Amino acid sequence: MTDHPPGFFVGTGMPDPGWWEALWPDPAKVLRDVGVAPGMEVVDLCCGDGWFTFPLSKIARTVVAIDIDAALLKAAKVRIAERGGAMNCVFVEADAYDLATIMRRPIDHVLLANVFHGVPDRPRLARAVYDVLKPGGLFSIVSWHARPREDTPVLGEPRGPATELRMTPEQTIAAVEPGGLKFRNQVEVSPYHYGLVFERTR
């Protein structure tokens, strides 16, 4: 899809209900695998409907959930309220590129799930993340493997972004590192997804 509102990233709409659960029955494990640890201050960047926001709130000290789509932020708030709420979450409607103007102090971790393939200026976004991380802070990207869309079915149907939008881990690393972050490690977080972890080393 190429027709999208200004500021919205390509190919990053939310799925039908049910298949996040099929892909990630244990979202807290995904978060641990990409380096989220107790006591961290974390940004859930482009948080969408909050699938990772609530489990983040149970691990991190504070969570700032950012999305440009007001309707998705509302859905995220409802999701969290239905699970009993989370006093350590703040929701911000904003453009992901403006991350440095949102955060008032350096943070420990930025999570970006299912979005990086649609970012038009990836080095710019990586630099924005770099600017808000503490030295030693982490940027984790969860992305679909670069397989044909028909080879990634969920609940019996092809799912995920268009084949031509998908990125290999090597392509993602090449797009992020010019922003100043250093690749640290890769993990597999679903049958169809990889997680890459980058670090601000200075």
N, C-alpha and C. Protein backbone atom coordinates (compact mmCIF):
# COMPACT_ATOMS: atom_id res chain seq x y z
N MET A 1 0.84 -1.19 0.00
CA MET A 1 0.00 0.00 0.00
C MET A 1 0.88 1.24 0.00
N THR A 2 0.66 2.18 -0.90
CA THR A 2 1.45 3.39 -0.97
C THR A 2 0.65 4.63 -0.61
N ASP A 3 -0.67 4.54 -0.60
CA ASP A 3 -1.51 5.68 -0.27
C ASP A 3 -1.77 5.67 1.23
N HIS A 4 -1.09 6.58 1.96
CA HIS A 4 -1.21 6.60 3.41
C HIS A 4 -1.09 8.04 3.89
N PRO A 5 -1.66 8.37 5.04
CA PRO A 5 -1.61 9.74 5.55
C PRO A 5 -0.18 10.17 5.84
N PRO A 6 0.09 11.48 5.80
CA PRO A 6 1.43 11.97 6.13
C PRO A 6 1.85 11.53 7.53
N GLY A 7 3.09 11.06 7.63
CA GLY A 7 3.61 10.62 8.92
C GLY A 7 3.38 9.15 9.22
N PHE A 8 2.45 8.51 8.50
CA PHE A 8 2.19 7.09 8.72
C PHE A 8 3.17 6.27 7.87
N PHE A 9 3.76 5.26 8.46
CA PHE A 9 4.72 4.44 7.74
C PHE A 9 4.00 3.41 6.87
N VAL A 10 4.62 3.06 5.76
CA VAL A 10 4.01 2.18 4.77
C VAL A 10 3.93 0.75 5.31
N GLY A 11 2.81 0.08 5.03
CA GLY A 11 2.70 -1.35 5.31
C GLY A 11 2.77 -1.69 6.78
N THR A 12 2.25 -0.80 7.65
CA THR A 12 2.37 -1.05 9.09
C THR A 12 1.02 -1.03 9.80
N GLY A 13 -0.06 -1.34 9.10
CA GLY A 13 -1.37 -1.39 9.74
C GLY A 13 -1.49 -2.55 10.72
N MET A 14 -2.46 -2.43 11.62
CA MET A 14 -2.66 -3.48 12.62
C MET A 14 -3.42 -4.66 12.01
N PRO A 15 -3.17 -5.87 12.52
CA PRO A 15 -3.82 -7.06 11.97
C PRO A 15 -5.23 -7.25 12.52
N ASP A 16 -5.93 -8.23 11.93
CA ASP A 16 -7.20 -8.64 12.49
C ASP A 16 -6.99 -9.22 13.88
N PRO A 17 -8.01 -9.16 14.75
CA PRO A 17 -7.86 -9.75 16.09
C PRO A 17 -7.52 -11.24 16.01
N GLY A 18 -6.67 -11.66 16.91
CA GLY A 18 -6.39 -13.08 17.04
C GLY A 18 -5.03 -13.52 16.57
N TRP A 19 -4.47 -12.84 15.55
CA TRP A 19 -3.23 -13.45 15.07
C TRP A 19 -1.97 -12.91 15.72
N TRP A 20 -2.03 -11.82 16.47
CA TRP A 20 -0.88 -11.50 17.34
C TRP A 20 -0.70 -12.63 18.34
N GLU A 21 -1.81 -13.10 18.90
CA GLU A 21 -1.74 -14.19 19.88
C GLU A 21 -1.16 -15.46 19.26
N ALA A 22 -1.50 -15.70 18.00
CA ALA A 22 -0.97 -16.89 17.32
C ALA A 22 0.54 -16.78 17.11
N LEU A 23 1.02 -15.58 16.81
CA LEU A 23 2.45 -15.38 16.59
C LEU A 23 3.23 -15.30 17.89
N TRP A 24 2.67 -14.59 18.86
CA TRP A 24 3.39 -14.30 20.10
C TRP A 24 2.52 -14.65 21.30
N PRO A 25 2.36 -15.92 21.60
CA PRO A 25 1.55 -16.28 22.76
C PRO A 25 2.18 -15.83 24.07
N ASP A 26 3.49 -15.56 24.04
CA ASP A 26 4.19 -15.11 25.25
C ASP A 26 4.98 -13.85 24.91
N PRO A 27 4.31 -12.69 24.81
CA PRO A 27 5.03 -11.48 24.42
C PRO A 27 6.10 -11.08 25.42
N ALA A 28 5.94 -11.42 26.68
CA ALA A 28 6.96 -11.08 27.67
C ALA A 28 8.29 -11.77 27.35
N LYS A 29 8.22 -12.99 26.81
CA LYS A 29 9.46 -13.69 26.43
C LYS A 29 10.16 -12.96 25.28
N VAL A 30 9.38 -12.47 24.31
CA VAL A 30 9.97 -11.69 23.22
C VAL A 30 10.73 -10.50 23.79
N LEU A 31 10.11 -9.81 24.73
CA LEU A 31 10.74 -8.62 25.33
C LEU A 31 12.02 -8.99 26.06
N ARG A 32 11.99 -10.06 26.81
CA ARG A 32 13.21 -10.49 27.51
C ARG A 32 14.29 -10.87 26.51
N ASP A 33 13.89 -11.54 25.44
CA ASP A 33 14.87 -12.00 24.45
C ASP A 33 15.57 -10.84 23.75
N VAL A 34 14.89 -9.70 23.61
CA VAL A 34 15.53 -8.54 22.95
C VAL A 34 16.15 -7.58 23.96
N GLY A 35 16.25 -8.00 25.21
CA GLY A 35 17.05 -7.25 26.17
C GLY A 35 16.30 -6.34 27.12
N VAL A 36 14.98 -6.39 27.14
CA VAL A 36 14.24 -5.59 28.12
C VAL A 36 14.40 -6.25 29.49
N ALA A 37 14.80 -5.44 30.47
CA ALA A 37 15.09 -5.98 31.80
C ALA A 37 14.38 -5.16 32.87
N PRO A 38 14.13 -5.78 34.03
CA PRO A 38 13.48 -5.05 35.13
C PRO A 38 14.22 -3.77 35.48
N GLY A 39 13.45 -2.72 35.76
CA GLY A 39 14.03 -1.45 36.15
C GLY A 39 14.32 -0.49 35.02
N MET A 40 14.22 -0.96 33.79
CA MET A 40 14.51 -0.09 32.64
C MET A 40 13.39 0.93 32.41
N GLU A 41 13.78 2.06 31.84
CA GLU A 41 12.83 2.99 31.26
C GLU A 41 12.80 2.71 29.76
N VAL A 42 11.60 2.41 29.23
CA VAL A 42 11.47 1.90 27.87
C VAL A 42 10.49 2.73 27.07
N VAL A 43 10.82 2.95 25.80
CA VAL A 43 9.87 3.53 24.84
C VAL A 43 9.35 2.41 23.95
N ASP A 44 8.03 2.28 23.88
CA ASP A 44 7.37 1.39 22.92
C ASP A 44 7.02 2.25 21.72
N LEU A 45 7.95 2.32 20.75
CA LEU A 45 7.84 3.25 19.64
C LEU A 45 6.95 2.66 18.55
N CYS A 46 5.98 3.45 18.09
CA CYS A 46 4.97 2.96 17.14
C CYS A 46 4.25 1.77 17.79
N CYS A 47 3.70 2.02 18.96
CA CYS A 47 3.16 0.94 19.80
C CYS A 47 1.91 0.30 19.24
N GLY A 48 1.24 0.94 18.26
CA GLY A 48 0.03 0.36 17.70
C GLY A 48 -1.04 0.16 18.76
N ASP A 49 -1.66 -1.00 18.74
CA ASP A 49 -2.76 -1.26 19.68
C ASP A 49 -2.28 -1.82 21.02
N GLY A 50 -0.96 -1.74 21.26
CA GLY A 50 -0.45 -2.04 22.59
C GLY A 50 -0.18 -3.49 22.91
N TRP A 51 0.03 -4.32 21.89
CA TRP A 51 0.26 -5.74 22.16
C TRP A 51 1.46 -5.97 23.07
N PHE A 52 2.52 -5.17 22.87
CA PHE A 52 3.70 -5.30 23.73
C PHE A 52 3.69 -4.32 24.90
N THR A 53 2.83 -3.31 24.86
CA THR A 53 2.87 -2.27 25.88
C THR A 53 2.55 -2.81 27.27
N PHE A 54 1.50 -3.62 27.37
CA PHE A 54 1.14 -4.13 28.70
C PHE A 54 2.22 -5.04 29.28
N PRO A 55 2.73 -6.02 28.53
CA PRO A 55 3.81 -6.83 29.12
C PRO A 55 5.05 -6.00 29.42
N LEU A 56 5.31 -4.96 28.63
CA LEU A 56 6.41 -4.06 28.97
C LEU A 56 6.21 -3.43 30.34
N SER A 57 4.96 -3.03 30.61
CA SER A 57 4.67 -2.37 31.88
C SER A 57 4.92 -3.28 33.07
N LYS A 58 4.88 -4.60 32.84
CA LYS A 58 5.10 -5.55 33.92
C LYS A 58 6.58 -5.84 34.15
N ILE A 59 7.42 -5.43 33.21
CA ILE A 59 8.86 -5.64 33.33
C ILE A 59 9.59 -4.34 33.65
N ALA A 60 9.30 -3.31 32.88
CA ALA A 60 10.03 -2.05 32.96
C ALA A 60 9.57 -1.21 34.14
N ARG A 61 10.42 -0.26 34.51
CA ARG A 61 10.03 0.70 35.56
C ARG A 61 9.02 1.70 35.02
N THR A 62 9.28 2.21 33.82
CA THR A 62 8.34 3.11 33.16
C THR A 62 8.28 2.78 31.67
N VAL A 63 7.13 3.05 31.04
CA VAL A 63 6.93 2.82 29.62
C VAL A 63 6.30 4.07 29.01
N VAL A 64 6.91 4.55 27.93
CA VAL A 64 6.31 5.62 27.13
C VAL A 64 5.88 4.99 25.81
N ALA A 65 4.58 4.91 25.59
CA ALA A 65 4.03 4.30 24.38
C ALA A 65 3.69 5.41 23.39
N ILE A 66 4.34 5.38 22.24
CA ILE A 66 4.22 6.46 21.25
C ILE A 66 3.65 5.91 19.96
N ASP A 67 2.65 6.60 19.41
CA ASP A 67 2.13 6.27 18.09
C ASP A 67 1.54 7.53 17.48
N ILE A 68 1.57 7.60 16.15
CA ILE A 68 1.00 8.76 15.46
C ILE A 68 -0.50 8.63 15.27
N ASP A 69 -1.03 7.43 15.47
CA ASP A 69 -2.44 7.14 15.22
C ASP A 69 -3.23 7.19 16.52
N ALA A 70 -4.07 8.21 16.66
CA ALA A 70 -4.84 8.38 17.89
C ALA A 70 -5.76 7.21 18.16
N ALA A 71 -6.33 6.63 17.10
CA ALA A 71 -7.24 5.50 17.28
C ALA A 71 -6.51 4.29 17.84
N LEU A 72 -5.29 4.06 17.38
CA LEU A 72 -4.52 2.93 17.90
C LEU A 72 -4.10 3.17 19.34
N LEU A 73 -3.75 4.40 19.68
CA LEU A 73 -3.41 4.70 21.07
C LEU A 73 -4.62 4.45 21.97
N LYS A 74 -5.79 4.82 21.50
CA LYS A 74 -7.00 4.56 22.27
C LYS A 74 -7.19 3.06 22.47
N ALA A 75 -6.96 2.28 21.41
CA ALA A 75 -7.08 0.83 21.51
C ALA A 75 -6.07 0.26 22.50
N ALA A 76 -4.86 0.83 22.50
CA ALA A 76 -3.84 0.38 23.46
C ALA A 76 -4.27 0.66 24.89
N LYS A 77 -4.84 1.83 25.12
CA LYS A 77 -5.32 2.17 26.47
C LYS A 77 -6.43 1.22 26.91
N VAL A 78 -7.32 0.89 25.98
CA VAL A 78 -8.40 -0.05 26.31
C VAL A 78 -7.83 -1.42 26.64
N ARG A 79 -6.87 -1.88 25.83
CA ARG A 79 -6.25 -3.19 26.06
C ARG A 79 -5.66 -3.26 27.47
N ILE A 80 -4.96 -2.20 27.85
CA ILE A 80 -4.32 -2.20 29.16
C ILE A 80 -5.35 -2.09 30.28
N ALA A 81 -6.37 -1.26 30.06
CA ALA A 81 -7.42 -1.13 31.08
C ALA A 81 -8.13 -2.46 31.31
N GLU A 82 -8.36 -3.21 30.23
CA GLU A 82 -9.03 -4.50 30.36
C GLU A 82 -8.19 -5.51 31.14
N ARG A 83 -6.89 -5.27 31.21
CA ARG A 83 -6.00 -6.17 31.94
C ARG A 83 -5.65 -5.64 33.33
N GLY A 84 -6.38 -4.62 33.75
CA GLY A 84 -6.19 -4.13 35.11
C GLY A 84 -5.43 -2.83 35.22
N GLY A 85 -4.99 -2.29 34.06
CA GLY A 85 -4.32 -1.00 34.08
C GLY A 85 -2.84 -1.11 34.37
N ALA A 86 -2.14 0.00 34.15
CA ALA A 86 -0.70 0.07 34.40
C ALA A 86 -0.35 1.52 34.73
N MET A 87 -0.01 1.77 35.96
CA MET A 87 0.25 3.13 36.42
C MET A 87 1.56 3.68 35.88
N ASN A 88 2.43 2.82 35.36
CA ASN A 88 3.75 3.27 34.90
C ASN A 88 3.80 3.51 33.39
N CYS A 89 2.64 3.60 32.72
CA CYS A 89 2.58 3.84 31.27
C CYS A 89 2.12 5.26 30.98
N VAL A 90 2.79 5.88 30.01
CA VAL A 90 2.37 7.17 29.48
C VAL A 90 2.16 6.99 27.99
N PHE A 91 1.07 7.55 27.46
CA PHE A 91 0.76 7.43 26.04
C PHE A 91 0.93 8.78 25.37
N VAL A 92 1.63 8.79 24.23
CA VAL A 92 1.93 10.04 23.53
C VAL A 92 1.59 9.88 22.06
N GLU A 93 0.77 10.78 21.54
CA GLU A 93 0.47 10.80 20.11
C GLU A 93 1.50 11.68 19.43
N ALA A 94 2.36 11.09 18.61
CA ALA A 94 3.46 11.84 18.01
C ALA A 94 4.07 11.07 16.87
N ASP A 95 4.83 11.78 16.06
CA ASP A 95 5.60 11.22 14.96
C ASP A 95 6.86 10.56 15.53
N ALA A 96 7.18 9.37 15.06
CA ALA A 96 8.34 8.65 15.57
C ALA A 96 9.64 9.43 15.36
N TYR A 97 9.75 10.17 14.28
CA TYR A 97 10.96 10.95 14.04
C TYR A 97 11.19 12.01 15.12
N ASP A 98 10.13 12.41 15.82
CA ASP A 98 10.23 13.47 16.82
C ASP A 98 10.56 12.94 18.21
N LEU A 99 11.09 11.75 18.28
CA LEU A 99 11.34 11.09 19.55
C LEU A 99 12.17 11.96 20.50
N ALA A 100 13.18 12.62 19.97
CA ALA A 100 14.08 13.40 20.83
C ALA A 100 13.38 14.61 21.44
N THR A 101 12.32 15.08 20.83
CA THR A 101 11.59 16.22 21.41
C THR A 101 10.57 15.75 22.45
N ILE A 102 10.26 14.47 22.46
CA ILE A 102 9.28 13.92 23.40
C ILE A 102 9.94 13.54 24.72
N MET A 103 11.10 12.91 24.64
CA MET A 103 11.75 12.38 25.83
C MET A 103 12.56 13.47 26.52
N ARG A 104 12.33 13.61 27.81
CA ARG A 104 12.97 14.68 28.58
C ARG A 104 14.31 14.25 29.15
N ARG A 105 14.58 12.96 29.18
CA ARG A 105 15.85 12.48 29.73
C ARG A 105 16.25 11.21 28.98
N PRO A 106 17.52 10.85 29.02
CA PRO A 106 17.96 9.63 28.33
C PRO A 106 17.30 8.40 28.92
N ILE A 107 17.07 7.40 28.07
CA ILE A 107 16.36 6.20 28.49
C ILE A 107 17.19 4.95 28.20
N ASP A 108 16.67 3.82 28.68
CA ASP A 108 17.43 2.57 28.61
C ASP A 108 17.19 1.75 27.35
N HIS A 109 15.97 1.81 26.80
CA HIS A 109 15.62 0.88 25.72
C HIS A 109 14.51 1.47 24.87
N VAL A 110 14.65 1.33 23.56
CA VAL A 110 13.57 1.65 22.61
C VAL A 110 13.22 0.38 21.86
N LEU A 111 11.94 0.03 21.90
CA LEU A 111 11.43 -1.14 21.17
C LEU A 111 10.66 -0.66 19.95
N LEU A 112 10.93 -1.29 18.79
CA LEU A 112 10.20 -1.00 17.56
C LEU A 112 9.82 -2.33 16.91
N ALA A 113 8.54 -2.66 16.93
CA ALA A 113 8.10 -3.97 16.45
C ALA A 113 7.20 -3.83 15.22
N ASN A 114 7.55 -4.57 14.17
CA ASN A 114 6.72 -4.67 12.96
C ASN A 114 6.55 -3.34 12.23
N VAL A 115 7.55 -2.50 12.26
CA VAL A 115 7.42 -1.17 11.69
C VAL A 115 8.59 -0.80 10.78
N PHE A 116 9.80 -1.25 11.09
CA PHE A 116 10.99 -0.71 10.44
C PHE A 116 10.96 -0.88 8.92
N HIS A 117 10.32 -1.93 8.44
CA HIS A 117 10.25 -2.15 6.98
C HIS A 117 9.53 -1.02 6.26
N GLY A 118 8.66 -0.30 6.96
CA GLY A 118 7.88 0.76 6.33
C GLY A 118 8.41 2.16 6.54
N VAL A 119 9.54 2.30 7.24
CA VAL A 119 10.08 3.63 7.54
C VAL A 119 10.77 4.19 6.30
N PRO A 120 10.37 5.38 5.82
CA PRO A 120 10.98 5.92 4.60
C PRO A 120 12.45 6.32 4.79
N ASP A 121 12.78 6.94 5.94
CA ASP A 121 14.15 7.41 6.20
C ASP A 121 14.67 6.67 7.43
N ARG A 122 15.21 5.49 7.22
CA ARG A 122 15.60 4.64 8.34
C ARG A 122 16.80 5.19 9.11
N PRO A 123 17.85 5.70 8.43
CA PRO A 123 18.94 6.30 9.22
C PRO A 123 18.47 7.47 10.08
N ARG A 124 17.52 8.25 9.58
CA ARG A 124 16.99 9.36 10.39
C ARG A 124 16.32 8.84 11.66
N LEU A 125 15.53 7.78 11.53
CA LEU A 125 14.88 7.22 12.71
C LEU A 125 15.92 6.64 13.66
N ALA A 126 16.93 5.98 13.12
CA ALA A 126 17.99 5.42 13.97
C ALA A 126 18.72 6.52 14.73
N ARG A 127 18.96 7.65 14.08
CA ARG A 127 19.61 8.77 14.76
C ARG A 127 18.72 9.33 15.87
N ALA A 128 17.41 9.40 15.60
CA ALA A 128 16.48 9.88 16.63
C ALA A 128 16.51 8.96 17.86
N VAL A 129 16.60 7.66 17.62
CA VAL A 129 16.69 6.71 18.73
C VAL A 129 18.02 6.90 19.46
N TYR A 130 19.09 7.01 18.70
CA TYR A 130 20.42 7.22 19.30
C TYR A 130 20.40 8.41 20.26
N ASP A 131 19.74 9.48 19.84
CA ASP A 131 19.75 10.72 20.61
C ASP A 131 19.05 10.60 21.96
N VAL A 132 18.15 9.62 22.12
CA VAL A 132 17.43 9.51 23.39
C VAL A 132 17.96 8.39 24.29
N LEU A 133 18.88 7.59 23.79
CA LEU A 133 19.40 6.48 24.60
C LEU A 133 20.55 6.92 25.49
N LYS A 134 20.60 6.33 26.68
CA LYS A 134 21.77 6.46 27.53
C LYS A 134 22.95 5.73 26.89
N PRO A 135 24.19 6.09 27.21
CA PRO A 135 25.30 5.21 26.84
C PRO A 135 25.05 3.81 27.40
N GLY A 136 25.14 2.82 26.55
CA GLY A 136 24.80 1.46 26.93
C GLY A 136 23.34 1.12 26.71
N GLY A 137 22.54 2.12 26.30
CA GLY A 137 21.13 1.88 26.02
C GLY A 137 20.93 1.05 24.77
N LEU A 138 19.76 0.41 24.67
CA LEU A 138 19.49 -0.55 23.61
C LEU A 138 18.34 -0.12 22.72
N PHE A 139 18.46 -0.46 21.45
CA PHE A 139 17.39 -0.29 20.46
C PHE A 139 17.10 -1.66 19.89
N SER A 140 15.87 -2.17 20.09
CA SER A 140 15.52 -3.48 19.55
C SER A 140 14.48 -3.33 18.45
N ILE A 141 14.71 -4.03 17.35
CA ILE A 141 13.83 -4.03 16.19
C ILE A 141 13.34 -5.45 15.97
N VAL A 142 12.01 -5.62 15.95
CA VAL A 142 11.41 -6.91 15.63
C VAL A 142 10.81 -6.79 14.24
N SER A 143 11.23 -7.67 13.32
CA SER A 143 10.80 -7.58 11.92
C SER A 143 10.49 -8.95 11.34
N TRP A 144 9.64 -8.92 10.33
CA TRP A 144 9.36 -10.13 9.56
C TRP A 144 10.59 -10.53 8.75
N HIS A 145 10.88 -11.82 8.72
CA HIS A 145 11.93 -12.31 7.83
C HIS A 145 11.57 -12.02 6.37
N ALA A 146 12.59 -11.86 5.57
CA ALA A 146 12.40 -11.53 4.15
C ALA A 146 12.04 -12.79 3.35
N ARG A 147 10.87 -13.32 3.65
CA ARG A 147 10.34 -14.47 2.93
C ARG A 147 9.12 -14.03 2.14
N PRO A 148 8.76 -14.74 1.08
CA PRO A 148 7.53 -14.40 0.36
C PRO A 148 6.34 -14.41 1.30
N ARG A 149 5.43 -13.46 1.11
CA ARG A 149 4.29 -13.34 2.01
C ARG A 149 3.47 -14.63 2.07
N GLU A 150 3.38 -15.35 0.96
CA GLU A 150 2.60 -16.58 0.97
C GLU A 150 3.26 -17.67 1.82
N ASP A 151 4.54 -17.46 2.18
CA ASP A 151 5.24 -18.43 3.02
C ASP A 151 5.16 -18.09 4.50
N THR A 152 4.39 -17.06 4.85
CA THR A 152 4.24 -16.71 6.26
C THR A 152 2.75 -16.67 6.64
N PRO A 153 2.09 -17.82 6.61
CA PRO A 153 0.66 -17.83 6.96
C PRO A 153 0.45 -17.78 8.46
N VAL A 154 -0.61 -17.12 8.85
CA VAL A 154 -1.06 -17.11 10.24
C VAL A 154 -2.55 -17.39 10.24
N LEU A 155 -2.97 -18.37 11.00
CA LEU A 155 -4.38 -18.78 11.04
C LEU A 155 -4.91 -19.07 9.64
N GLY A 156 -4.06 -19.69 8.82
CA GLY A 156 -4.49 -20.19 7.52
C GLY A 156 -4.43 -19.22 6.37
N GLU A 157 -3.95 -17.97 6.60
CA GLU A 157 -3.88 -16.99 5.51
C GLU A 157 -2.50 -16.33 5.49
N PRO A 158 -2.01 -15.95 4.29
CA PRO A 158 -0.75 -15.20 4.22
C PRO A 158 -0.87 -13.91 5.02
N ARG A 159 0.15 -13.60 5.79
CA ARG A 159 0.11 -12.43 6.66
C ARG A 159 1.41 -11.64 6.59
N GLY A 160 1.34 -10.43 7.14
CA GLY A 160 2.52 -9.59 7.21
C GLY A 160 2.62 -8.64 6.04
N PRO A 161 3.68 -7.82 6.02
CA PRO A 161 3.85 -6.84 4.95
C PRO A 161 4.09 -7.50 3.61
N ALA A 162 3.90 -6.73 2.56
CA ALA A 162 4.16 -7.22 1.21
C ALA A 162 5.60 -7.73 1.11
N THR A 163 5.79 -8.74 0.28
CA THR A 163 7.10 -9.36 0.13
C THR A 163 8.19 -8.34 -0.15
N GLU A 164 7.88 -7.37 -1.03
CA GLU A 164 8.91 -6.41 -1.45
C GLU A 164 9.31 -5.43 -0.35
N LEU A 165 8.52 -5.33 0.71
CA LEU A 165 8.86 -4.44 1.81
C LEU A 165 9.75 -5.10 2.86
N ARG A 166 9.82 -6.39 2.86
CA ARG A 166 10.52 -7.10 3.92
C ARG A 166 12.03 -6.94 3.79
N MET A 167 12.69 -6.95 4.94
CA MET A 167 14.13 -6.71 5.00
C MET A 167 14.85 -7.87 5.67
N THR A 168 16.01 -8.21 5.16
CA THR A 168 16.86 -9.18 5.83
C THR A 168 17.49 -8.54 7.05
N PRO A 169 17.96 -9.35 7.98
CA PRO A 169 18.71 -8.76 9.11
C PRO A 169 19.88 -7.90 8.64
N GLU A 170 20.57 -8.35 7.61
CA GLU A 170 21.72 -7.60 7.11
C GLU A 170 21.31 -6.23 6.58
N GLN A 171 20.18 -6.17 5.89
CA GLN A 171 19.68 -4.88 5.40
C GLN A 171 19.29 -3.96 6.55
N THR A 172 18.69 -4.53 7.57
CA THR A 172 18.30 -3.72 8.73
C THR A 172 19.53 -3.18 9.44
N ILE A 173 20.52 -4.02 9.66
CA ILE A 173 21.75 -3.58 10.30
C ILE A 173 22.40 -2.45 9.49
N ALA A 174 22.44 -2.61 8.18
CA ALA A 174 23.06 -1.59 7.32
C ALA A 174 22.31 -0.27 7.37
N ALA A 175 21.01 -0.31 7.63
CA ALA A 175 20.22 0.91 7.72
C ALA A 175 20.35 1.60 9.07
N VAL A 176 20.61 0.84 10.13
CA VAL A 176 20.64 1.39 11.48
C VAL A 176 22.02 1.91 11.87
N GLU A 177 23.07 1.17 11.56
CA GLU A 177 24.39 1.51 12.08
C GLU A 177 24.90 2.88 11.66
N PRO A 178 24.55 3.40 10.47
CA PRO A 178 24.98 4.77 10.16
C PRO A 178 24.46 5.83 11.12
N GLY A 179 23.39 5.51 11.87
CA GLY A 179 22.86 6.43 12.86
C GLY A 179 23.66 6.45 14.16
N GLY A 180 24.71 5.65 14.24
CA GLY A 180 25.59 5.68 15.41
C GLY A 180 25.44 4.51 16.36
N LEU A 181 24.45 3.65 16.14
CA LEU A 181 24.23 2.50 17.00
C LEU A 181 24.99 1.29 16.49
N LYS A 182 25.44 0.44 17.40
CA LYS A 182 26.23 -0.73 17.04
C LYS A 182 25.40 -1.99 17.21
N PHE A 183 25.40 -2.84 16.18
CA PHE A 183 24.70 -4.12 16.26
C PHE A 183 25.30 -4.98 17.36
N ARG A 184 24.43 -5.56 18.19
CA ARG A 184 24.90 -6.38 19.31
C ARG A 184 24.57 -7.85 19.12
N ASN A 185 23.30 -8.18 18.82
CA ASN A 185 22.95 -9.59 18.65
C ASN A 185 21.61 -9.73 17.95
N GLN A 186 21.37 -10.94 17.46
CA GLN A 186 20.12 -11.30 16.79
C GLN A 186 19.48 -12.47 17.52
N VAL A 187 18.14 -12.43 17.63
CA VAL A 187 17.39 -13.54 18.22
C VAL A 187 16.20 -13.85 17.32
N GLU A 188 15.71 -15.07 17.42
CA GLU A 188 14.49 -15.45 16.71
C GLU A 188 13.32 -15.34 17.69
N VAL A 189 12.29 -14.59 17.32
CA VAL A 189 11.22 -14.30 18.27
C VAL A 189 9.85 -14.83 17.84
N SER A 190 9.77 -15.43 16.67
CA SER A 190 8.59 -16.15 16.23
C SER A 190 9.02 -17.00 15.05
N PRO A 191 8.18 -17.87 14.54
CA PRO A 191 8.58 -18.62 13.35
C PRO A 191 8.90 -17.72 12.15
N TYR A 192 8.39 -16.49 12.15
CA TYR A 192 8.55 -15.61 10.99
C TYR A 192 9.29 -14.32 11.30
N HIS A 193 9.68 -14.10 12.54
CA HIS A 193 10.27 -12.83 12.95
C HIS A 193 11.66 -13.02 13.55
N TYR A 194 12.50 -12.03 13.29
CA TYR A 194 13.77 -11.92 13.99
C TYR A 194 13.76 -10.65 14.84
N GLY A 195 14.60 -10.65 15.85
CA GLY A 195 14.83 -9.45 16.65
C GLY A 195 16.30 -9.08 16.58
N LEU A 196 16.56 -7.82 16.30
CA LEU A 196 17.93 -7.31 16.30
C LEU A 196 18.08 -6.32 17.45
N VAL A 197 19.19 -6.41 18.15
CA VAL A 197 19.46 -5.52 19.27
C VAL A 197 20.70 -4.69 18.95
N PHE A 198 20.54 -3.37 19.07
CA PHE A 198 21.63 -2.42 18.83
C PHE A 198 21.93 -1.69 20.15
N GLU A 199 23.15 -1.19 20.27
CA GLU A 199 23.55 -0.52 21.50
C GLU A 199 24.18 0.83 21.18
N ARG A 200 23.86 1.80 22.02
CA ARG A 200 24.61 3.06 22.00
C ARG A 200 25.84 2.86 22.86
N THR A 201 26.98 2.83 22.24
CA THR A 201 28.19 2.45 22.96
C THR A 201 28.93 3.64 23.56
N ARG A 202 28.49 4.85 23.20
CA ARG A 202 29.19 6.03 23.76
C ARG A 202 28.20 7.18 23.90
